[in-house]
Amino acid sequence: MSALEREIIEKYNQLQPDAKQRVRALIERDQDVELKRSDASEFDFEAWTENIEAIRADIRANNNGILPAMDVVDMLREIRESGDTAQALEIYLNSLHKRSA
């Protein structure tokens, strides 16, 4: 254990119970953020691509073999609002699929 770690533990032990609880809550939030980051790194691009291609094939099938023009403004808005590009694109293509059905 490093000197810094020992010092942090010493200081933590000096805190009042409510302060300890706030520190634990802060650490838990930090851990949640780290877990979300690691989940994002495990994104299955191949499965996502297959799903998008299946949606596109359905859209083409319902539009006489043509993939209709996309409304880029709506697509960019979806991406901006969701913060997750892959999810936003999938949502947008699903909405196109529903409109064409």
N, C-alpha and C. Protein backbone atom coordinates (compact mmCIF):
# COMPACT_ATOMS: atom_id res chain seq x y z
N MET A 1 0.85 -1.17 0.00
CA MET A 1 0.00 0.00 0.00
C MET A 1 0.89 1.24 0.00
N SER A 2 0.53 2.21 -0.82
CA SER A 2 1.35 3.42 -0.93
C SER A 2 1.09 4.36 0.25
N ALA A 3 1.98 5.31 0.38
CA ALA A 3 1.84 6.30 1.45
C ALA A 3 0.56 7.11 1.25
N LEU A 4 0.24 7.41 0.02
CA LEU A 4 -0.97 8.16 -0.28
C LEU A 4 -2.21 7.38 0.14
N GLU A 5 -2.22 6.09 -0.19
CA GLU A 5 -3.36 5.26 0.20
C GLU A 5 -3.52 5.21 1.72
N ARG A 6 -2.41 5.06 2.43
CA ARG A 6 -2.47 5.05 3.91
C ARG A 6 -3.00 6.38 4.45
N GLU A 7 -2.53 7.47 3.85
CA GLU A 7 -2.98 8.79 4.30
C GLU A 7 -4.48 8.97 4.05
N ILE A 8 -4.96 8.51 2.90
CA ILE A 8 -6.39 8.61 2.59
C ILE A 8 -7.21 7.82 3.60
N ILE A 9 -6.76 6.61 3.92
CA ILE A 9 -7.47 5.77 4.88
C ILE A 9 -7.47 6.43 6.26
N GLU A 10 -6.34 7.00 6.66
CA GLU A 10 -6.25 7.72 7.94
C GLU A 10 -7.26 8.85 7.99
N LYS A 11 -7.27 9.66 6.94
CA LYS A 11 -8.19 10.80 6.87
C LYS A 11 -9.64 10.33 6.86
N TYR A 12 -9.91 9.26 6.14
CA TYR A 12 -11.26 8.71 6.08
C TYR A 12 -11.72 8.29 7.47
N ASN A 13 -10.83 7.65 8.22
CA ASN A 13 -11.19 7.19 9.57
C ASN A 13 -11.45 8.35 10.53
N GLN A 14 -10.97 9.54 10.21
CA GLN A 14 -11.20 10.71 11.06
C GLN A 14 -12.55 11.38 10.79
N LEU A 15 -13.21 11.00 9.71
CA LEU A 15 -14.47 11.63 9.32
C LEU A 15 -15.62 11.21 10.22
N GLN A 16 -16.61 12.08 10.30
CA GLN A 16 -17.86 11.76 10.99
C GLN A 16 -18.64 10.77 10.10
N PRO A 17 -19.55 10.00 10.71
CA PRO A 17 -20.29 8.99 9.94
C PRO A 17 -21.00 9.55 8.69
N ASP A 18 -21.63 10.72 8.79
CA ASP A 18 -22.32 11.25 7.60
C ASP A 18 -21.34 11.65 6.50
N ALA A 19 -20.17 12.14 6.89
CA ALA A 19 -19.13 12.47 5.90
C ALA A 19 -18.60 11.20 5.25
N LYS A 20 -18.42 10.13 6.04
CA LYS A 20 -17.98 8.85 5.47
C LYS A 20 -18.98 8.36 4.44
N GLN A 21 -20.26 8.53 4.75
CA GLN A 21 -21.30 8.08 3.82
C GLN A 21 -21.22 8.86 2.51
N ARG A 22 -20.99 10.17 2.59
CA ARG A 22 -20.87 10.98 1.36
C ARG A 22 -19.66 10.55 0.54
N VAL A 23 -18.55 10.25 1.22
CA VAL A 23 -17.34 9.81 0.52
C VAL A 23 -17.59 8.47 -0.16
N ARG A 24 -18.26 7.55 0.55
CA ARG A 24 -18.58 6.24 -0.07
C ARG A 24 -19.48 6.42 -1.28
N ALA A 25 -20.46 7.31 -1.16
CA ALA A 25 -21.38 7.55 -2.29
C ALA A 25 -20.61 8.10 -3.49
N LEU A 26 -19.68 8.99 -3.24
CA LEU A 26 -18.85 9.55 -4.32
C LEU A 26 -18.02 8.46 -4.99
N ILE A 27 -17.44 7.59 -4.18
CA ILE A 27 -16.63 6.49 -4.72
C ILE A 27 -17.51 5.53 -5.53
N GLU A 28 -18.71 5.25 -5.04
CA GLU A 28 -19.62 4.36 -5.77
C GLU A 28 -20.01 4.96 -7.12
N ARG A 29 -20.30 6.26 -7.14
CA ARG A 29 -20.63 6.92 -8.42
C ARG A 29 -19.46 6.83 -9.38
N ASP A 30 -18.26 7.03 -8.86
CA ASP A 30 -17.06 6.95 -9.70
C ASP A 30 -16.91 5.53 -10.26
N GLN A 31 -17.17 4.53 -9.44
CA GLN A 31 -17.08 3.14 -9.91
C GLN A 31 -18.13 2.86 -10.98
N ASP A 32 -19.35 3.41 -10.80
CA ASP A 32 -20.40 3.22 -11.81
C ASP A 32 -19.98 3.80 -13.16
N VAL A 33 -19.35 4.98 -13.13
CA VAL A 33 -18.88 5.60 -14.36
C VAL A 33 -17.83 4.71 -15.02
N GLU A 34 -16.90 4.17 -14.23
CA GLU A 34 -15.87 3.28 -14.77
C GLU A 34 -16.49 2.03 -15.39
N LEU A 35 -17.51 1.46 -14.73
CA LEU A 35 -18.17 0.27 -15.27
C LEU A 35 -18.85 0.59 -16.59
N LYS A 36 -19.50 1.74 -16.68
CA LYS A 36 -20.16 2.11 -17.94
C LYS A 36 -19.15 2.27 -19.05
N ARG A 37 -18.00 2.83 -18.73
CA ARG A 37 -16.95 2.98 -19.74
C ARG A 37 -16.46 1.62 -20.22
N SER A 38 -16.30 0.68 -19.30
CA SER A 38 -15.81 -0.64 -19.71
C SER A 38 -16.88 -1.37 -20.50
N ASP A 39 -18.18 -1.16 -20.17
CA ASP A 39 -19.25 -1.77 -20.96
C ASP A 39 -19.24 -1.24 -22.38
N ALA A 40 -18.98 0.05 -22.52
CA ALA A 40 -18.95 0.66 -23.85
C ALA A 40 -17.82 0.07 -24.69
N SER A 41 -16.73 -0.31 -24.06
CA SER A 41 -15.61 -0.85 -24.82
C SER A 41 -15.90 -2.27 -25.31
N GLU A 42 -16.95 -2.89 -24.78
CA GLU A 42 -17.31 -4.25 -25.18
C GLU A 42 -18.41 -4.27 -26.24
N PHE A 43 -18.61 -3.15 -26.91
CA PHE A 43 -19.64 -3.03 -27.93
C PHE A 43 -19.38 -4.04 -29.05
N ASP A 44 -20.40 -4.79 -29.42
CA ASP A 44 -20.29 -5.80 -30.46
C ASP A 44 -20.67 -5.19 -31.81
N PHE A 45 -19.67 -4.63 -32.48
CA PHE A 45 -19.90 -3.93 -33.74
C PHE A 45 -20.46 -4.87 -34.80
N GLU A 46 -19.97 -6.09 -34.84
CA GLU A 46 -20.42 -7.04 -35.86
C GLU A 46 -21.91 -7.35 -35.72
N ALA A 47 -22.36 -7.60 -34.50
CA ALA A 47 -23.79 -7.87 -34.26
C ALA A 47 -24.63 -6.64 -34.59
N TRP A 48 -24.12 -5.47 -34.19
CA TRP A 48 -24.84 -4.23 -34.48
C TRP A 48 -24.98 -4.04 -35.98
N THR A 49 -23.89 -4.26 -36.73
CA THR A 49 -23.91 -4.11 -38.18
C THR A 49 -24.91 -5.06 -38.82
N GLU A 50 -24.93 -6.30 -38.36
CA GLU A 50 -25.88 -7.28 -38.89
C GLU A 50 -27.32 -6.82 -38.65
N ASN A 51 -27.57 -6.28 -37.47
CA ASN A 51 -28.91 -5.80 -37.14
C ASN A 51 -29.31 -4.63 -38.04
N ILE A 52 -28.39 -3.70 -38.24
CA ILE A 52 -28.68 -2.54 -39.11
C ILE A 52 -28.93 -3.00 -40.54
N GLU A 53 -28.13 -3.94 -41.02
CA GLU A 53 -28.32 -4.44 -42.39
C GLU A 53 -29.67 -5.15 -42.55
N ALA A 54 -30.10 -5.86 -41.52
CA ALA A 54 -31.41 -6.52 -41.57
C ALA A 54 -32.53 -5.48 -41.63
N ILE A 55 -32.39 -4.42 -40.85
CA ILE A 55 -33.39 -3.34 -40.88
C ILE A 55 -33.41 -2.69 -42.26
N ARG A 56 -32.22 -2.41 -42.81
CA ARG A 56 -32.15 -1.79 -44.14
C ARG A 56 -32.78 -2.71 -45.20
N ALA A 57 -32.56 -4.02 -45.09
CA ALA A 57 -33.15 -4.95 -46.06
C ALA A 57 -34.67 -4.92 -45.96
N ASP A 58 -35.20 -4.85 -44.75
CA ASP A 58 -36.65 -4.75 -44.57
C ASP A 58 -37.20 -3.47 -45.18
N ILE A 59 -36.48 -2.37 -44.96
CA ILE A 59 -36.93 -1.09 -45.52
C ILE A 59 -36.94 -1.17 -47.04
N ARG A 60 -35.89 -1.73 -47.62
CA ARG A 60 -35.84 -1.89 -49.09
C ARG A 60 -37.00 -2.76 -49.58
N ALA A 61 -37.25 -3.86 -48.88
CA ALA A 61 -38.32 -4.78 -49.29
C ALA A 61 -39.68 -4.09 -49.29
N ASN A 62 -39.88 -3.16 -48.38
CA ASN A 62 -41.15 -2.45 -48.29
C ASN A 62 -41.21 -1.21 -49.19
N ASN A 63 -40.12 -0.94 -49.91
CA ASN A 63 -40.07 0.23 -50.79
C ASN A 63 -39.59 -0.15 -52.19
N ASN A 64 -40.05 -1.28 -52.68
CA ASN A 64 -39.71 -1.73 -54.04
C ASN A 64 -38.22 -1.79 -54.30
N GLY A 65 -37.47 -2.27 -53.33
CA GLY A 65 -36.03 -2.44 -53.50
C GLY A 65 -35.21 -1.18 -53.37
N ILE A 66 -35.83 -0.10 -52.96
CA ILE A 66 -35.13 1.18 -52.84
C ILE A 66 -35.01 1.55 -51.37
N LEU A 67 -33.84 2.00 -51.00
CA LEU A 67 -33.64 2.53 -49.66
C LEU A 67 -33.92 4.02 -49.73
N PRO A 68 -35.02 4.48 -49.10
CA PRO A 68 -35.39 5.90 -49.24
C PRO A 68 -34.32 6.83 -48.68
N ALA A 69 -34.33 8.05 -49.18
CA ALA A 69 -33.39 9.06 -48.69
C ALA A 69 -33.64 9.30 -47.20
N MET A 70 -32.55 9.50 -46.47
CA MET A 70 -32.67 9.74 -45.04
C MET A 70 -32.76 11.23 -44.77
N ASP A 71 -33.49 11.57 -43.75
CA ASP A 71 -33.54 12.94 -43.28
C ASP A 71 -32.35 13.13 -42.34
N VAL A 72 -31.27 13.69 -42.86
CA VAL A 72 -30.02 13.81 -42.12
C VAL A 72 -30.20 14.67 -40.88
N VAL A 73 -31.00 15.70 -40.97
CA VAL A 73 -31.21 16.58 -39.82
C VAL A 73 -31.82 15.80 -38.66
N ASP A 74 -32.86 15.00 -38.95
CA ASP A 74 -33.46 14.18 -37.89
C ASP A 74 -32.46 13.18 -37.33
N MET A 75 -31.67 12.58 -38.21
CA MET A 75 -30.70 11.60 -37.75
C MET A 75 -29.66 12.25 -36.84
N LEU A 76 -29.15 13.42 -37.21
CA LEU A 76 -28.17 14.12 -36.38
C LEU A 76 -28.79 14.55 -35.05
N ARG A 77 -30.04 14.95 -35.08
CA ARG A 77 -30.73 15.33 -33.84
C ARG A 77 -30.82 14.13 -32.90
N GLU A 78 -31.17 12.97 -33.44
CA GLU A 78 -31.24 11.74 -32.63
C GLU A 78 -29.89 11.43 -31.99
N ILE A 79 -28.83 11.56 -32.78
CA ILE A 79 -27.49 11.26 -32.28
C ILE A 79 -27.13 12.23 -31.18
N ARG A 80 -27.37 13.51 -31.40
CA ARG A 80 -27.03 14.52 -30.40
C ARG A 80 -27.81 14.29 -29.10
N GLU A 81 -29.09 13.98 -29.20
CA GLU A 81 -29.92 13.81 -28.01
C GLU A 81 -29.58 12.54 -27.25
N SER A 82 -29.20 11.50 -27.94
CA SER A 82 -28.93 10.24 -27.24
C SER A 82 -27.50 10.18 -26.72
N GLY A 83 -26.56 10.83 -27.39
CA GLY A 83 -25.17 10.75 -26.98
C GLY A 83 -24.51 9.44 -27.37
N ASP A 84 -25.27 8.52 -27.93
CA ASP A 84 -24.75 7.21 -28.32
C ASP A 84 -25.00 7.04 -29.81
N THR A 85 -23.98 7.21 -30.61
CA THR A 85 -24.12 7.21 -32.06
C THR A 85 -24.72 5.91 -32.58
N ALA A 86 -24.22 4.79 -32.10
CA ALA A 86 -24.72 3.49 -32.59
C ALA A 86 -26.19 3.32 -32.25
N GLN A 87 -26.54 3.64 -31.02
CA GLN A 87 -27.94 3.48 -30.60
C GLN A 87 -28.83 4.45 -31.37
N ALA A 88 -28.39 5.68 -31.55
CA ALA A 88 -29.20 6.66 -32.27
C ALA A 88 -29.45 6.23 -33.70
N LEU A 89 -28.43 5.72 -34.37
CA LEU A 89 -28.59 5.27 -35.75
C LEU A 89 -29.58 4.11 -35.82
N GLU A 90 -29.46 3.21 -34.88
CA GLU A 90 -30.38 2.08 -34.86
C GLU A 90 -31.82 2.54 -34.61
N ILE A 91 -32.02 3.48 -33.70
CA ILE A 91 -33.35 4.03 -33.42
C ILE A 91 -33.90 4.70 -34.67
N TYR A 92 -33.06 5.49 -35.33
CA TYR A 92 -33.50 6.20 -36.52
C TYR A 92 -33.89 5.23 -37.64
N LEU A 93 -33.07 4.23 -37.87
CA LEU A 93 -33.39 3.26 -38.92
C LEU A 93 -34.65 2.47 -38.56
N ASN A 94 -34.84 2.17 -37.29
CA ASN A 94 -36.07 1.49 -36.87
C ASN A 94 -37.28 2.36 -37.14
N SER A 95 -37.15 3.67 -36.90
CA SER A 95 -38.28 4.57 -37.17
C SER A 95 -38.57 4.63 -38.67
N LEU A 96 -37.54 4.62 -39.50
CA LEU A 96 -37.74 4.56 -40.95
C LEU A 96 -38.46 3.29 -41.34
N HIS A 97 -38.04 2.19 -40.73
CA HIS A 97 -38.65 0.89 -41.02
C HIS A 97 -40.14 0.92 -40.68
N LYS A 98 -40.48 1.50 -39.53
CA LYS A 98 -41.89 1.56 -39.12
C LYS A 98 -42.70 2.44 -40.07
N ARG A 99 -42.10 3.54 -40.54
CA ARG A 99 -42.80 4.44 -41.45
C ARG A 99 -43.04 3.76 -42.81
N SER A 100 -42.11 2.93 -43.23
CA SER A 100 -42.23 2.32 -44.55
C SER A 100 -43.13 1.10 -44.56
N ALA A 101 -43.42 0.55 -43.40
CA ALA A 101 -44.22 -0.68 -43.31
C ALA A 101 -45.70 -0.40 -43.53
